[in-house]
Amino acid sequence: MPKKSFSTQNFVIVITAPSGAGKTTVIHELLKNHKNLRYSISATTRPKRTAEVDCRDYFFIDEREFKQKISEGRFAEWAEVHGYLYGTLVSEIEKILADGSHVLMDVDVQGAKKIRGHYPDGVFIYLMPPSMEELKTRLVSRGTEDNASLERRLKDSVAEIESIPIFDYLVVNDRLEQTLGEISNIIRAEELKVKRLPESDKLAKAYLARARKEGWQ
C-alpha cells in the first residue's frame, strides 16, 4: 500500500553557528538536496563586489532606503556589521512561503531572537563544532584571520554558545553527511507535526466515519 503523502504548511528554518563551524557548506548542501528549501536573500548597504549580482547575492540598497524600511517595520531582523547595515525583509520571507517552499535562513544569535519574535513557529537550529579546539583549527586553516581577529571570533563563539537554550535543536557538525542527515530528519519531523498539516482534521474525521460505518466505534 503506498504511503500517504500529506501537504504541510511551509515554515522558516533558521541555522545559527559560530564562525568556522561549517554553516556555509551545510546550507549549500541542504539547498542542493532539498528542492522545497529556498534561501532568504538579505538586504545590505554594503557596496556590491565585482562577482556579486543584485537580487541574487543581496538586495543592494542605500542607507536612506534601508533606514526607511526599518522605520516601516519591514525587516524581520537587521544589524549593523562593520559599518554597513544588513537585514532580512519580511516580504522576502513571505514570498518564499507563499511560493510553497520552506525558508532557509543564516543569521546570528541576535537575528535568531528577532526572527523568533516574527515567526514563533519557526524551526531554530544551532550548529556546533565538534570542540572549541576543532573550531580554532578550522578558523586558522582558512588563513583569513590575524591573531586579534581569531581571538575575537573565539570569544564571540563562546558568547553565542551560551545562548543555545533559545534554540529548538542542537546539531554537532563533525561529519558533513551525518550533519545533513540529522538536519533533514529535523525538517521532515517538523513537516509531519499535526499543527502543520492542514488536512489532519479532515483525515481523522474520514477515518472515524469509516470506523463508525464498520461498527468499530
Protein backbone atom coordinates (compact mmCIF):
# COMPACT_ATOMS: atom_id res chain seq x y z
CA MET A 1 0.00 0.00 0.00
CA PRO A 2 1.53 3.37 -0.97
CA LYS A 3 2.50 5.71 1.87
CA LYS A 4 0.05 8.55 2.49
CA SER A 5 1.53 11.89 1.43
CA PHE A 6 0.47 14.94 3.43
CA SER A 7 0.58 18.57 2.38
CA THR A 8 2.28 20.66 5.03
CA GLN A 9 2.36 24.33 5.91
CA ASN A 10 5.68 25.90 4.96
CA PHE A 11 7.84 27.35 7.69
CA VAL A 12 11.01 29.27 8.49
CA ILE A 13 14.21 27.34 9.26
CA VAL A 14 16.98 29.29 10.97
CA ILE A 15 20.51 27.90 11.23
CA THR A 16 22.93 29.68 13.53
CA ALA A 17 26.55 28.77 14.16
CA PRO A 18 29.84 30.32 15.24
CA SER A 19 32.33 31.27 12.52
CA GLY A 20 34.23 28.17 11.46
CA ALA A 21 31.52 25.66 12.33
CA GLY A 22 30.89 24.87 8.66
CA LYS A 23 27.49 26.54 8.32
CA THR A 24 28.02 27.82 4.76
CA THR A 25 28.82 24.34 3.44
CA VAL A 26 25.90 22.79 5.29
CA ILE A 27 23.43 25.34 3.94
CA HIS A 28 24.77 24.95 0.39
CA GLU A 29 24.31 21.17 0.55
CA LEU A 30 20.84 21.42 2.08
CA LEU A 31 19.69 23.72 -0.72
CA LYS A 32 21.14 21.33 -3.28
CA ASN A 33 19.49 18.27 -1.74
CA HIS A 34 16.07 19.69 -0.83
CA LYS A 35 14.00 21.19 -3.64
CA ASN A 36 11.45 22.57 -1.16
CA LEU A 37 14.04 24.81 0.54
CA ARG A 38 14.87 28.32 -0.60
CA TYR A 39 17.47 30.65 0.85
CA SER A 40 16.32 34.05 2.05
CA ILE A 41 18.36 36.83 0.40
CA SER A 42 19.36 39.66 2.72
CA ALA A 43 19.35 43.39 2.01
CA THR A 44 22.53 45.39 2.64
CA THR A 45 24.01 48.85 2.31
CA ARG A 46 27.43 47.36 1.57
CA PRO A 47 28.79 48.14 -1.90
CA LYS A 48 28.38 45.35 -4.43
CA ARG A 49 31.53 43.35 -5.10
CA THR A 50 32.67 42.53 -8.63
CA ALA A 51 31.30 38.98 -8.82
CA GLU A 52 28.07 39.74 -6.96
CA VAL A 53 24.67 40.13 -8.60
CA ASP A 54 21.88 42.28 -7.21
CA CYS A 55 18.81 40.25 -6.14
CA ARG A 56 20.86 37.04 -6.27
CA ASP A 57 23.54 37.55 -3.63
CA TYR A 58 21.95 40.50 -1.82
CA PHE A 59 19.42 43.24 -2.33
CA PHE A 60 21.81 46.20 -2.57
CA ILE A 61 20.12 49.39 -1.33
CA ASP A 62 21.41 52.70 0.01
CA GLU A 63 21.39 53.65 3.68
CA ARG A 64 18.49 56.07 3.35
CA GLU A 65 16.24 53.40 1.86
CA PHE A 66 17.38 50.82 4.41
CA LYS A 67 16.56 53.11 7.34
CA GLN A 68 13.20 53.93 5.79
CA LYS A 69 12.39 50.22 5.71
CA ILE A 70 13.46 49.94 9.37
CA SER A 71 11.07 52.73 10.35
CA GLU A 72 8.28 50.99 8.43
CA GLY A 73 8.92 47.70 10.26
CA ARG A 74 9.74 45.85 7.07
CA PHE A 75 12.67 43.83 8.44
CA ALA A 76 12.29 40.58 10.37
CA GLU A 77 15.79 41.29 11.68
CA TRP A 78 18.59 43.71 10.94
CA ALA A 79 22.01 44.62 12.30
CA GLU A 80 25.00 46.85 11.64
CA VAL A 81 28.16 44.93 10.76
CA HIS A 82 31.48 46.67 10.13
CA GLY A 83 29.75 49.95 9.35
CA TYR A 84 27.16 48.53 6.94
CA LEU A 85 23.54 47.55 7.51
CA TYR A 86 22.25 44.04 6.83
CA GLY A 87 18.69 42.78 7.20
CA THR A 88 16.08 40.21 6.23
CA LEU A 89 12.95 41.59 4.63
CA VAL A 90 9.62 40.20 5.83
CA SER A 91 8.38 40.48 2.24
CA GLU A 92 11.14 38.14 1.03
CA ILE A 93 10.25 35.55 3.67
CA GLU A 94 6.53 35.77 2.92
CA LYS A 95 7.12 35.49 -0.83
CA ILE A 96 9.05 32.23 -0.41
CA LEU A 97 6.42 30.78 1.94
CA ALA A 98 3.63 31.77 -0.47
CA ASP A 99 5.50 30.11 -3.34
CA GLY A 100 5.32 26.77 -1.47
CA SER A 101 8.82 26.44 -0.03
CA HIS A 102 10.38 26.48 3.41
CA VAL A 103 12.61 29.50 4.07
CA LEU A 104 16.21 28.66 5.00
CA MET A 105 17.96 31.46 6.88
CA ASP A 106 21.50 32.02 8.14
CA VAL A 107 21.65 34.56 10.98
CA ASP A 108 23.50 35.15 14.24
CA VAL A 109 22.04 34.66 17.71
CA GLN A 110 20.60 38.18 17.91
CA GLY A 111 19.00 37.77 14.49
CA ALA A 112 17.53 34.42 15.53
CA LYS A 113 15.93 36.04 18.58
CA LYS A 114 14.33 38.74 16.43
CA ILE A 115 13.06 36.25 13.85
CA ARG A 116 11.57 34.13 16.63
CA GLY A 117 9.51 37.20 17.53
CA HIS A 118 8.11 37.39 13.98
CA TYR A 119 7.86 33.63 13.36
CA PRO A 120 7.36 31.82 16.70
CA ASP A 121 6.52 28.56 14.89
CA GLY A 122 9.83 28.60 13.01
CA VAL A 123 12.48 25.91 13.44
CA PHE A 124 15.66 27.14 15.09
CA ILE A 125 18.81 25.01 14.82
CA TYR A 126 22.18 25.69 16.42
CA LEU A 127 25.13 24.13 14.59
CA MET A 128 28.05 23.32 16.88
CA PRO A 129 31.66 22.44 16.03
CA PRO A 130 32.89 19.12 17.49
CA SER A 131 35.01 21.05 20.02
CA MET A 132 36.47 24.51 20.64
CA GLU A 133 39.87 23.11 19.64
CA GLU A 134 38.45 21.97 16.30
CA LEU A 135 36.78 25.34 15.84
CA LYS A 136 40.11 27.10 16.33
CA THR A 137 41.80 24.68 13.89
CA ARG A 138 39.16 25.40 11.23
CA LEU A 139 39.48 29.17 11.67
CA VAL A 140 43.27 29.02 11.45
CA SER A 141 43.13 26.79 8.35
CA ARG A 142 41.05 29.39 6.49
CA GLY A 143 44.07 31.69 6.56
CA THR A 144 41.87 34.79 6.76
CA GLU A 145 42.29 35.68 10.43
CA ASP A 146 45.13 37.51 12.16
CA ASN A 147 45.72 36.77 15.86
CA ALA A 148 43.45 39.58 17.08
CA SER A 149 40.63 38.57 14.73
CA LEU A 150 41.00 34.91 15.68
CA GLU A 151 40.81 35.75 19.38
CA ARG A 152 37.72 37.91 18.81
CA ARG A 153 35.93 35.22 16.84
CA LEU A 154 36.64 32.60 19.51
CA LYS A 155 35.32 34.89 22.23
CA ASP A 156 32.23 35.63 20.14
CA SER A 157 31.72 31.89 19.73
CA VAL A 158 31.71 31.36 23.49
CA ALA A 159 29.10 34.12 23.90
CA GLU A 160 26.93 32.56 21.17
CA ILE A 161 27.19 29.05 22.63
CA GLU A 162 25.84 30.38 25.92
CA SER A 163 22.62 31.19 24.03
CA ILE A 164 21.96 27.59 22.92
CA PRO A 165 18.87 27.23 25.18
CA ILE A 166 16.87 29.61 22.94
CA PHE A 167 17.15 27.13 20.02
CA ASP A 168 14.94 24.11 19.30
CA TYR A 169 17.66 21.76 18.08
CA LEU A 170 21.39 21.25 18.54
CA VAL A 171 23.44 19.57 15.81
CA VAL A 172 27.18 18.89 16.12
CA ASN A 173 28.88 19.30 12.75
CA ASP A 174 31.58 16.66 12.92
CA ARG A 175 30.94 14.74 9.68
CA LEU A 176 29.08 16.55 6.89
CA GLU A 177 26.92 13.63 5.75
CA GLN A 178 25.78 12.91 9.29
CA THR A 179 25.01 16.60 9.87
CA LEU A 180 22.96 16.80 6.67
CA GLY A 181 21.08 13.66 7.64
CA GLU A 182 20.25 14.97 11.10
CA ILE A 183 19.01 18.34 9.80
CA SER A 184 16.99 16.61 7.07
CA ASN A 185 15.37 14.44 9.75
CA ILE A 186 14.53 17.56 11.78
CA ILE A 187 12.87 19.18 8.77
CA ARG A 188 10.86 16.05 7.97
CA ALA A 189 9.73 15.64 11.58
CA GLU A 190 8.62 19.28 11.65
CA GLU A 191 6.69 18.79 8.39
CA LEU A 192 4.75 15.94 9.99
CA LYS A 193 3.73 17.83 13.12
CA VAL A 194 -0.05 17.82 13.33
CA LYS A 195 -0.19 21.60 13.70
CA ARG A 196 1.48 21.95 10.28
CA LEU A 197 -0.88 19.54 8.49
CA PRO A 198 -3.97 21.40 7.24
CA GLU A 199 -5.64 18.13 6.25
CA SER A 200 -5.08 16.29 9.54
CA ASP A 201 -8.53 17.09 10.96
CA LYS A 202 -10.25 16.13 7.71
CA LEU A 203 -8.25 12.89 7.55
CA ALA A 204 -9.09 11.97 11.15
CA LYS A 205 -12.80 12.58 10.53
CA ALA A 206 -12.69 10.37 7.44
CA TYR A 207 -11.07 7.54 9.42
CA LEU A 208 -13.61 7.88 12.23
CA ALA A 209 -16.54 7.95 9.78
CA ARG A 210 -15.31 4.68 8.27
CA ALA A 211 -14.87 3.20 11.74
CA ARG A 212 -18.44 4.10 12.66
CA LYS A 213 -19.73 2.65 9.41
CA GLU A 214 -17.95 -0.65 10.10
CA GLY A 215 -19.20 -0.67 13.70
CA TRP A 216 -15.72 -0.30 15.17
CA GLN A 217 -16.67 2.75 17.20
